[in-house]
């Protein structure tokens, strides 16, 4: 263990772990939001092109 980790108590380690998990969850939420927005835009774009080709 590094000296920094040796000096941390269990409460500090738990807090660091919580923030790490929380930030990873926020990152995953952002990634999923971007994916779904992209899919919605793609779906709308496909509808517009199919409607445009019918006329």
N, C-alpha and C. Protein backbone atom coordinates (compact mmCIF):
# COMPACT_ATOMS: atom_id res chain seq x y z
N UNK A 1 0.83 -1.20 0.00
CA UNK A 1 0.00 0.00 0.00
C UNK A 1 0.87 1.25 0.00
N UNK A 2 0.39 2.27 -0.64
CA UNK A 2 1.12 3.54 -0.61
C UNK A 2 0.85 4.23 0.72
N UNK A 3 1.73 5.13 1.13
CA UNK A 3 1.51 5.84 2.40
C UNK A 3 0.18 6.58 2.45
N UNK A 4 -0.26 7.10 1.31
CA UNK A 4 -1.53 7.82 1.27
C UNK A 4 -2.68 6.89 1.64
N UNK A 5 -2.69 5.70 1.08
CA UNK A 5 -3.77 4.75 1.37
C UNK A 5 -3.69 4.26 2.81
N UNK A 6 -2.48 4.10 3.34
CA UNK A 6 -2.33 3.66 4.74
C UNK A 6 -2.94 4.67 5.70
N UNK A 7 -2.87 5.95 5.36
CA UNK A 7 -3.37 6.99 6.25
C UNK A 7 -4.88 7.19 6.16
N UNK A 8 -5.52 6.60 5.20
CA UNK A 8 -6.97 6.73 5.07
C UNK A 8 -7.66 5.75 6.00
N UNK A 9 -8.69 6.22 6.67
CA UNK A 9 -9.46 5.29 7.50
C UNK A 9 -10.59 4.69 6.68
N UNK A 10 -11.33 3.77 7.26
CA UNK A 10 -12.37 3.07 6.50
C UNK A 10 -13.48 4.01 6.06
N UNK A 11 -13.75 5.04 6.85
CA UNK A 11 -14.77 6.02 6.46
C UNK A 11 -14.35 6.76 5.20
N UNK A 12 -13.09 7.16 5.15
CA UNK A 12 -12.59 7.86 3.97
C UNK A 12 -12.60 6.96 2.74
N UNK A 13 -12.20 5.71 2.94
CA UNK A 13 -12.21 4.76 1.82
C UNK A 13 -13.63 4.53 1.32
N UNK A 14 -14.58 4.42 2.25
CA UNK A 14 -15.98 4.23 1.86
C UNK A 14 -16.49 5.44 1.08
N UNK A 15 -16.10 6.63 1.50
CA UNK A 15 -16.52 7.85 0.82
C UNK A 15 -15.94 7.90 -0.59
N UNK A 16 -14.67 7.56 -0.71
CA UNK A 16 -14.03 7.54 -2.03
C UNK A 16 -14.71 6.52 -2.94
N UNK A 17 -14.99 5.35 -2.40
CA UNK A 17 -15.66 4.31 -3.18
C UNK A 17 -17.05 4.77 -3.61
N UNK A 18 -17.78 5.42 -2.71
CA UNK A 18 -19.12 5.92 -3.04
C UNK A 18 -19.05 6.93 -4.18
N UNK A 19 -18.12 7.90 -4.08
CA UNK A 19 -18.01 8.90 -5.14
C UNK A 19 -17.57 8.28 -6.46
N UNK A 20 -16.72 7.28 -6.38
CA UNK A 20 -16.28 6.61 -7.59
C UNK A 20 -17.45 5.90 -8.26
N UNK A 21 -18.23 5.16 -7.46
CA UNK A 21 -19.40 4.47 -8.01
C UNK A 21 -20.41 5.47 -8.54
N UNK A 22 -20.62 6.56 -7.78
CA UNK A 22 -21.59 7.57 -8.18
C UNK A 22 -21.17 8.24 -9.49
N UNK A 23 -19.90 8.56 -9.64
CA UNK A 23 -19.45 9.21 -10.87
C UNK A 23 -19.52 8.24 -12.05
N UNK A 24 -19.22 6.96 -11.81
CA UNK A 24 -19.35 5.97 -12.88
C UNK A 24 -20.81 5.83 -13.31
N UNK A 25 -21.73 5.88 -12.34
CA UNK A 25 -23.14 5.78 -12.67
C UNK A 25 -23.59 6.98 -13.49
N UNK A 26 -23.13 8.17 -13.10
CA UNK A 26 -23.48 9.37 -13.87
C UNK A 26 -22.93 9.29 -15.28
N UNK A 27 -21.71 8.78 -15.42
CA UNK A 27 -21.11 8.63 -16.74
C UNK A 27 -21.91 7.66 -17.59
N UNK A 28 -22.32 6.55 -17.01
CA UNK A 28 -23.12 5.57 -17.74
C UNK A 28 -24.46 6.17 -18.15
N UNK A 29 -25.08 6.95 -17.25
CA UNK A 29 -26.35 7.60 -17.59
C UNK A 29 -26.18 8.55 -18.76
N UNK A 30 -25.09 9.31 -18.77
CA UNK A 30 -24.83 10.24 -19.87
C UNK A 30 -24.62 9.48 -21.18
N UNK A 31 -23.87 8.40 -21.12
CA UNK A 31 -23.61 7.60 -22.33
C UNK A 31 -24.91 7.02 -22.86
N UNK A 32 -25.73 6.46 -21.97
CA UNK A 32 -27.00 5.89 -22.40
C UNK A 32 -27.92 6.96 -22.97
N UNK A 33 -27.93 8.14 -22.36
CA UNK A 33 -28.75 9.24 -22.88
C UNK A 33 -28.32 9.61 -24.29
N UNK A 34 -27.02 9.70 -24.51
CA UNK A 34 -26.53 10.03 -25.85
C UNK A 34 -26.90 8.96 -26.86
N UNK A 35 -26.80 7.70 -26.46
CA UNK A 35 -27.15 6.60 -27.37
C UNK A 35 -28.62 6.67 -27.73
N UNK A 36 -29.49 6.85 -26.73
CA UNK A 36 -30.92 6.89 -27.01
C UNK A 36 -31.30 8.12 -27.84
N UNK A 37 -30.66 9.26 -27.58
CA UNK A 37 -30.94 10.45 -28.40
C UNK A 37 -30.52 10.19 -29.84
N UNK A 38 -29.37 9.57 -30.03
CA UNK A 38 -28.90 9.26 -31.37
C UNK A 38 -29.88 8.32 -32.08
N UNK A 39 -30.35 7.29 -31.35
CA UNK A 39 -31.28 6.34 -31.95
C UNK A 39 -32.60 7.01 -32.30
N UNK A 40 -33.08 7.92 -31.44
CA UNK A 40 -34.32 8.63 -31.75
C UNK A 40 -34.15 9.52 -32.97
N UNK A 41 -33.02 10.22 -33.06
CA UNK A 41 -32.78 11.06 -34.22
C UNK A 41 -32.67 10.22 -35.49
N UNK A 42 -32.00 9.08 -35.37
CA UNK A 42 -31.86 8.19 -36.52
C UNK A 42 -33.22 7.68 -36.97
N UNK A 43 -34.06 7.32 -36.00
CA UNK A 43 -35.40 6.82 -36.32
C UNK A 43 -36.23 7.91 -36.99
N UNK A 44 -36.15 9.12 -36.46
CA UNK A 44 -36.88 10.23 -37.07
C UNK A 44 -36.37 10.53 -38.46
N UNK A 45 -35.06 10.44 -38.63
CA UNK A 45 -34.46 10.68 -39.94
C UNK A 45 -34.91 9.65 -40.95
N UNK A 46 -35.02 8.39 -40.52
CA UNK A 46 -35.48 7.33 -41.41
C UNK A 46 -36.93 7.54 -41.80
N UNK A 47 -37.75 7.99 -40.85
CA UNK A 47 -39.16 8.26 -41.16
C UNK A 47 -39.27 9.40 -42.17
N UNK A 48 -38.45 10.44 -41.99
CA UNK A 48 -38.51 11.57 -42.91
C UNK A 48 -38.07 11.16 -44.31
N UNK A 49 -37.05 10.33 -44.42
CA UNK A 49 -36.60 9.93 -45.75
C UNK A 49 -37.61 9.02 -46.41
N UNK A 50 -38.26 8.14 -45.64
CA UNK A 50 -39.25 7.26 -46.25
C UNK A 50 -40.49 8.04 -46.65
N UNK A 51 -40.88 9.03 -45.83
CA UNK A 51 -42.03 9.85 -46.21
C UNK A 51 -41.70 10.69 -47.43
N UNK A 52 -40.49 11.20 -47.50
CA UNK A 52 -40.09 12.03 -48.63
C UNK A 52 -40.01 11.23 -49.91
N UNK A 53 -39.67 9.96 -49.84
CA UNK A 53 -39.53 9.16 -51.05
C UNK A 53 -40.88 8.69 -51.59
N UNK A 54 -41.92 8.75 -50.73
CA UNK A 54 -43.24 8.32 -51.20
C UNK A 54 -43.89 9.34 -52.12
N UNK A 55 -43.49 10.60 -51.99
CA UNK A 55 -44.14 11.64 -52.78
C UNK A 55 -43.43 11.92 -54.06
